[in-house]
Amino acid sequence: PFNVVSSTALALSPANGLAYQLPSLAVTASIAINTNTLEHGDVITLIGGGGVAPATLASGVTDKSALLVAGTTWVGLAGAVIHLKVFKAGAVTLFTEISRG
């Protein structure tokens, strides 16, 4: 099962689960991880919702950013998935790409 979200602003928590279905969008929006209470080593899955202008996930280096392979932006096309591993380094939490498809 997965958590169907209505926004690209994600709240990651054990209660919300480890898989998140993104909404179908008419206007492209960046995926942002607003809050995270998951543990170091947890793996989350984002599932694209598609639409005319799917959500995107870009690589970054600040707290609650994704580190994507080769810095390649992920586009949340309908059914596309990306798997990210939680990496906690003190006060900074990053989400490192494991795989996408």
N, C-alpha and C. Protein backbone atom coordinates (compact mmCIF):
# COMPACT_ATOMS: atom_id res chain seq x y z
N PRO A 1 0.83 -1.21 0.00
CA PRO A 1 0.00 0.00 0.00
C PRO A 1 0.86 1.26 0.00
N PHE A 2 0.30 2.34 -0.49
CA PHE A 2 1.04 3.59 -0.53
C PHE A 2 0.15 4.74 -0.08
N ASN A 3 0.78 5.81 0.33
CA ASN A 3 0.10 7.01 0.78
C ASN A 3 -0.13 7.90 -0.45
N VAL A 4 -1.38 8.21 -0.76
CA VAL A 4 -1.70 9.09 -1.87
C VAL A 4 -1.67 10.52 -1.33
N VAL A 5 -0.78 11.33 -1.87
CA VAL A 5 -0.64 12.70 -1.39
C VAL A 5 -1.31 13.67 -2.36
N SER A 6 -1.78 14.79 -1.82
CA SER A 6 -2.49 15.76 -2.66
C SER A 6 -1.61 16.93 -3.06
N SER A 7 -0.36 16.90 -2.62
CA SER A 7 0.55 18.01 -2.85
C SER A 7 1.96 17.46 -3.09
N THR A 8 2.83 18.29 -3.65
CA THR A 8 4.23 17.89 -3.82
C THR A 8 5.06 18.26 -2.60
N ALA A 9 4.43 18.83 -1.57
CA ALA A 9 5.10 19.11 -0.31
C ALA A 9 4.89 17.90 0.59
N LEU A 10 5.94 17.10 0.78
CA LEU A 10 5.80 15.81 1.47
C LEU A 10 6.13 15.89 2.95
N ALA A 11 5.36 15.14 3.72
CA ALA A 11 5.62 14.96 5.15
C ALA A 11 5.91 13.48 5.34
N LEU A 12 7.19 13.15 5.47
CA LEU A 12 7.61 11.75 5.58
C LEU A 12 7.62 11.33 7.04
N SER A 13 6.91 10.22 7.31
CA SER A 13 6.85 9.72 8.69
C SER A 13 6.49 8.25 8.66
N PRO A 14 6.81 7.52 9.74
CA PRO A 14 6.42 6.11 9.81
C PRO A 14 4.89 5.95 9.68
N ALA A 15 4.13 6.88 10.24
CA ALA A 15 2.67 6.80 10.16
C ALA A 15 2.17 6.93 8.72
N ASN A 16 2.89 7.71 7.91
CA ASN A 16 2.49 7.91 6.50
C ASN A 16 3.01 6.80 5.59
N GLY A 17 3.90 5.97 6.11
CA GLY A 17 4.42 4.85 5.32
C GLY A 17 5.69 5.19 4.56
N LEU A 18 6.10 4.26 3.70
CA LEU A 18 7.35 4.42 2.96
C LEU A 18 7.16 4.58 1.46
N ALA A 19 5.90 4.59 1.00
CA ALA A 19 5.62 4.79 -0.43
C ALA A 19 4.59 5.91 -0.58
N TYR A 20 4.87 6.82 -1.50
CA TYR A 20 4.04 8.01 -1.68
C TYR A 20 3.65 8.17 -3.14
N GLN A 21 2.34 8.15 -3.42
CA GLN A 21 1.81 8.37 -4.77
C GLN A 21 1.60 9.87 -4.94
N LEU A 22 2.32 10.47 -5.89
CA LEU A 22 2.22 11.90 -6.14
C LEU A 22 0.97 12.22 -6.96
N PRO A 23 0.48 13.45 -6.87
CA PRO A 23 -0.72 13.82 -7.63
C PRO A 23 -0.42 14.03 -9.11
N SER A 24 -1.47 13.92 -9.92
CA SER A 24 -1.40 14.30 -11.33
C SER A 24 -1.47 15.81 -11.37
N LEU A 25 -0.57 16.44 -12.14
CA LEU A 25 -0.49 17.90 -12.14
C LEU A 25 -0.75 18.50 -13.52
N ALA A 26 -1.39 19.67 -13.51
CA ALA A 26 -1.59 20.43 -14.74
C ALA A 26 -0.47 21.47 -14.91
N VAL A 27 0.18 21.82 -13.79
CA VAL A 27 1.30 22.77 -13.79
C VAL A 27 2.44 22.12 -13.02
N THR A 28 3.63 22.07 -13.63
CA THR A 28 4.78 21.44 -12.98
C THR A 28 5.07 22.08 -11.63
N ALA A 29 5.37 21.22 -10.65
CA ALA A 29 5.77 21.67 -9.32
C ALA A 29 6.95 20.83 -8.87
N SER A 30 7.84 21.45 -8.11
CA SER A 30 8.97 20.72 -7.55
C SER A 30 8.52 19.95 -6.32
N ILE A 31 9.08 18.76 -6.15
CA ILE A 31 8.81 17.96 -4.97
C ILE A 31 9.69 18.48 -3.85
N ALA A 32 9.08 18.75 -2.70
CA ALA A 32 9.82 19.25 -1.54
C ALA A 32 9.50 18.37 -0.34
N ILE A 33 10.52 18.00 0.39
CA ILE A 33 10.32 17.24 1.62
C ILE A 33 10.28 18.25 2.76
N ASN A 34 9.07 18.54 3.23
CA ASN A 34 8.90 19.56 4.27
C ASN A 34 9.28 19.06 5.64
N THR A 35 8.85 17.84 5.96
CA THR A 35 9.18 17.26 7.26
C THR A 35 9.57 15.80 7.09
N ASN A 36 10.41 15.33 8.00
CA ASN A 36 10.85 13.94 7.97
C ASN A 36 11.09 13.43 9.38
N THR A 37 10.45 12.33 9.72
CA THR A 37 10.72 11.68 11.01
C THR A 37 11.13 10.22 10.78
N LEU A 38 11.49 9.89 9.54
CA LEU A 38 11.97 8.55 9.24
C LEU A 38 13.39 8.38 9.78
N GLU A 39 13.81 7.14 9.92
CA GLU A 39 15.12 6.83 10.49
C GLU A 39 16.19 6.70 9.41
N HIS A 40 17.44 6.90 9.83
CA HIS A 40 18.59 6.67 8.95
C HIS A 40 18.50 5.25 8.39
N GLY A 41 18.64 5.12 7.08
CA GLY A 41 18.61 3.81 6.43
C GLY A 41 17.25 3.41 5.88
N ASP A 42 16.17 4.09 6.31
CA ASP A 42 14.85 3.78 5.74
C ASP A 42 14.87 4.08 4.25
N VAL A 43 14.10 3.34 3.48
CA VAL A 43 14.00 3.56 2.04
C VAL A 43 12.57 3.96 1.70
N ILE A 44 12.43 5.08 0.98
CA ILE A 44 11.10 5.52 0.55
C ILE A 44 10.99 5.36 -0.96
N THR A 45 9.76 5.26 -1.41
CA THR A 45 9.47 5.18 -2.84
C THR A 45 8.50 6.29 -3.20
N LEU A 46 8.85 7.06 -4.22
CA LEU A 46 7.93 8.04 -4.78
C LEU A 46 7.39 7.47 -6.08
N ILE A 47 6.08 7.58 -6.27
CA ILE A 47 5.42 7.07 -7.47
C ILE A 47 4.82 8.26 -8.21
N GLY A 48 5.22 8.42 -9.46
CA GLY A 48 4.76 9.55 -10.24
C GLY A 48 3.26 9.53 -10.48
N GLY A 49 2.67 10.73 -10.48
CA GLY A 49 1.23 10.86 -10.74
C GLY A 49 0.93 11.32 -12.15
N GLY A 50 1.97 11.73 -12.87
CA GLY A 50 1.78 12.13 -14.26
C GLY A 50 1.05 13.45 -14.39
N GLY A 51 0.17 13.52 -15.38
CA GLY A 51 -0.54 14.76 -15.69
C GLY A 51 0.12 15.47 -16.85
N VAL A 52 -0.41 16.61 -17.20
CA VAL A 52 0.11 17.41 -18.30
C VAL A 52 1.53 17.89 -18.00
N ALA A 53 1.79 18.19 -16.72
CA ALA A 53 3.09 18.70 -16.31
C ALA A 53 3.48 18.03 -14.99
N PRO A 54 4.08 16.84 -15.04
CA PRO A 54 4.39 16.07 -13.83
C PRO A 54 5.33 16.78 -12.85
N ALA A 55 5.24 16.36 -11.61
CA ALA A 55 6.13 16.87 -10.56
C ALA A 55 7.56 16.46 -10.87
N THR A 56 8.51 17.24 -10.35
CA THR A 56 9.93 16.93 -10.56
C THR A 56 10.67 16.93 -9.23
N LEU A 57 11.73 16.12 -9.17
CA LEU A 57 12.61 16.07 -8.01
C LEU A 57 14.03 16.36 -8.50
N ALA A 58 14.61 17.45 -7.99
CA ALA A 58 15.96 17.83 -8.39
C ALA A 58 16.94 17.52 -7.27
N SER A 59 18.20 17.41 -7.63
CA SER A 59 19.27 17.15 -6.67
C SER A 59 19.63 18.43 -5.93
N GLY A 60 19.98 18.28 -4.66
CA GLY A 60 20.39 19.44 -3.86
C GLY A 60 21.36 19.02 -2.78
N VAL A 61 21.82 19.97 -1.99
CA VAL A 61 22.78 19.66 -0.93
C VAL A 61 22.37 20.22 0.43
N THR A 62 21.20 20.84 0.51
CA THR A 62 20.75 21.39 1.78
C THR A 62 19.91 20.35 2.52
N ASP A 63 19.59 20.65 3.77
CA ASP A 63 18.78 19.74 4.59
C ASP A 63 17.49 19.36 3.86
N LYS A 64 17.15 18.09 3.94
CA LYS A 64 15.95 17.49 3.33
C LYS A 64 15.98 17.57 1.79
N SER A 65 17.17 17.47 1.22
CA SER A 65 17.33 17.45 -0.24
C SER A 65 17.60 16.03 -0.71
N ALA A 66 17.40 15.81 -2.00
CA ALA A 66 17.72 14.53 -2.63
C ALA A 66 19.09 14.62 -3.28
N LEU A 67 19.85 13.53 -3.20
CA LEU A 67 21.11 13.41 -3.94
C LEU A 67 20.84 12.39 -5.04
N LEU A 68 20.72 12.86 -6.26
CA LEU A 68 20.34 12.01 -7.38
C LEU A 68 21.56 11.61 -8.20
N VAL A 69 21.55 10.40 -8.71
CA VAL A 69 22.66 9.88 -9.52
C VAL A 69 22.91 10.82 -10.69
N ALA A 70 24.15 11.25 -10.82
CA ALA A 70 24.60 12.17 -11.87
C ALA A 70 23.84 13.50 -11.84
N GLY A 71 23.15 13.78 -10.73
CA GLY A 71 22.42 15.04 -10.62
C GLY A 71 21.22 15.13 -11.55
N THR A 72 20.78 13.98 -12.08
CA THR A 72 19.71 13.97 -13.07
C THR A 72 18.34 14.10 -12.40
N THR A 73 17.61 15.15 -12.76
CA THR A 73 16.27 15.39 -12.22
C THR A 73 15.35 14.23 -12.55
N TRP A 74 14.54 13.82 -11.57
CA TRP A 74 13.54 12.77 -11.78
C TRP A 74 12.22 13.44 -12.12
N VAL A 75 11.55 12.94 -13.13
CA VAL A 75 10.25 13.46 -13.56
C VAL A 75 9.19 12.43 -13.19
N GLY A 76 8.18 12.86 -12.45
CA GLY A 76 7.14 11.96 -11.94
C GLY A 76 6.07 11.63 -12.95
N LEU A 77 6.49 11.04 -14.07
CA LEU A 77 5.52 10.57 -15.07
C LEU A 77 4.62 9.53 -14.42
N ALA A 78 3.43 9.33 -14.97
CA ALA A 78 2.49 8.36 -14.40
C ALA A 78 3.15 6.99 -14.29
N GLY A 79 3.19 6.46 -13.08
CA GLY A 79 3.76 5.13 -12.85
C GLY A 79 5.27 5.08 -12.68
N ALA A 80 5.97 6.18 -12.94
CA ALA A 80 7.42 6.19 -12.73
C ALA A 80 7.71 6.11 -11.24
N VAL A 81 8.82 5.47 -10.88
CA VAL A 81 9.17 5.35 -9.46
C VAL A 81 10.63 5.76 -9.24
N ILE A 82 10.89 6.24 -8.03
CA ILE A 82 12.25 6.48 -7.60
C ILE A 82 12.34 6.02 -6.14
N HIS A 83 13.44 5.33 -5.83
CA HIS A 83 13.66 4.82 -4.48
C HIS A 83 14.80 5.64 -3.86
N LEU A 84 14.55 6.16 -2.66
CA LEU A 84 15.50 7.02 -1.97
C LEU A 84 15.78 6.48 -0.58
N LYS A 85 17.05 6.52 -0.17
CA LYS A 85 17.45 6.05 1.16
C LYS A 85 17.72 7.26 2.05
N VAL A 86 17.15 7.23 3.25
CA VAL A 86 17.34 8.30 4.23
C VAL A 86 18.77 8.24 4.76
N PHE A 87 19.47 9.37 4.70
CA PHE A 87 20.83 9.46 5.22
C PHE A 87 20.88 10.64 6.18
N LYS A 88 21.02 10.33 7.47
CA LYS A 88 21.09 11.39 8.48
C LYS A 88 22.54 11.64 8.86
N ALA A 89 22.95 12.90 8.74
CA ALA A 89 24.32 13.32 9.08
C ALA A 89 24.20 14.49 10.05
N GLY A 90 24.01 14.18 11.31
CA GLY A 90 23.83 15.24 12.30
C GLY A 90 22.52 15.96 12.07
N ALA A 91 22.60 17.28 11.93
CA ALA A 91 21.39 18.10 11.76
C ALA A 91 20.87 18.08 10.33
N VAL A 92 21.60 17.47 9.41
CA VAL A 92 21.20 17.44 8.00
C VAL A 92 20.72 16.04 7.62
N THR A 93 19.59 15.99 6.93
CA THR A 93 19.07 14.73 6.40
C THR A 93 19.03 14.83 4.88
N LEU A 94 19.61 13.84 4.22
CA LEU A 94 19.58 13.78 2.75
C LEU A 94 18.88 12.49 2.33
N PHE A 95 18.42 12.47 1.10
CA PHE A 95 17.74 11.31 0.53
C PHE A 95 18.51 10.89 -0.71
N THR A 96 19.26 9.80 -0.61
CA THR A 96 20.13 9.38 -1.70
C THR A 96 19.39 8.39 -2.62
N GLU A 97 19.52 8.64 -3.92
CA GLU A 97 18.86 7.78 -4.90
C GLU A 97 19.47 6.40 -4.89
N ILE A 98 18.60 5.40 -4.85
CA ILE A 98 19.02 4.00 -4.97
C ILE A 98 18.77 3.53 -6.40
N SER A 99 17.56 3.79 -6.89
CA SER A 99 17.22 3.40 -8.26
C SER A 99 15.97 4.15 -8.70
N ARG A 100 15.73 4.09 -10.00
CA ARG A 100 14.52 4.72 -10.57
C ARG A 100 14.06 3.88 -11.75
N GLY A 101 12.82 4.06 -12.10
CA GLY A 101 12.30 3.33 -13.25
C GLY A 101 10.96 3.86 -13.69
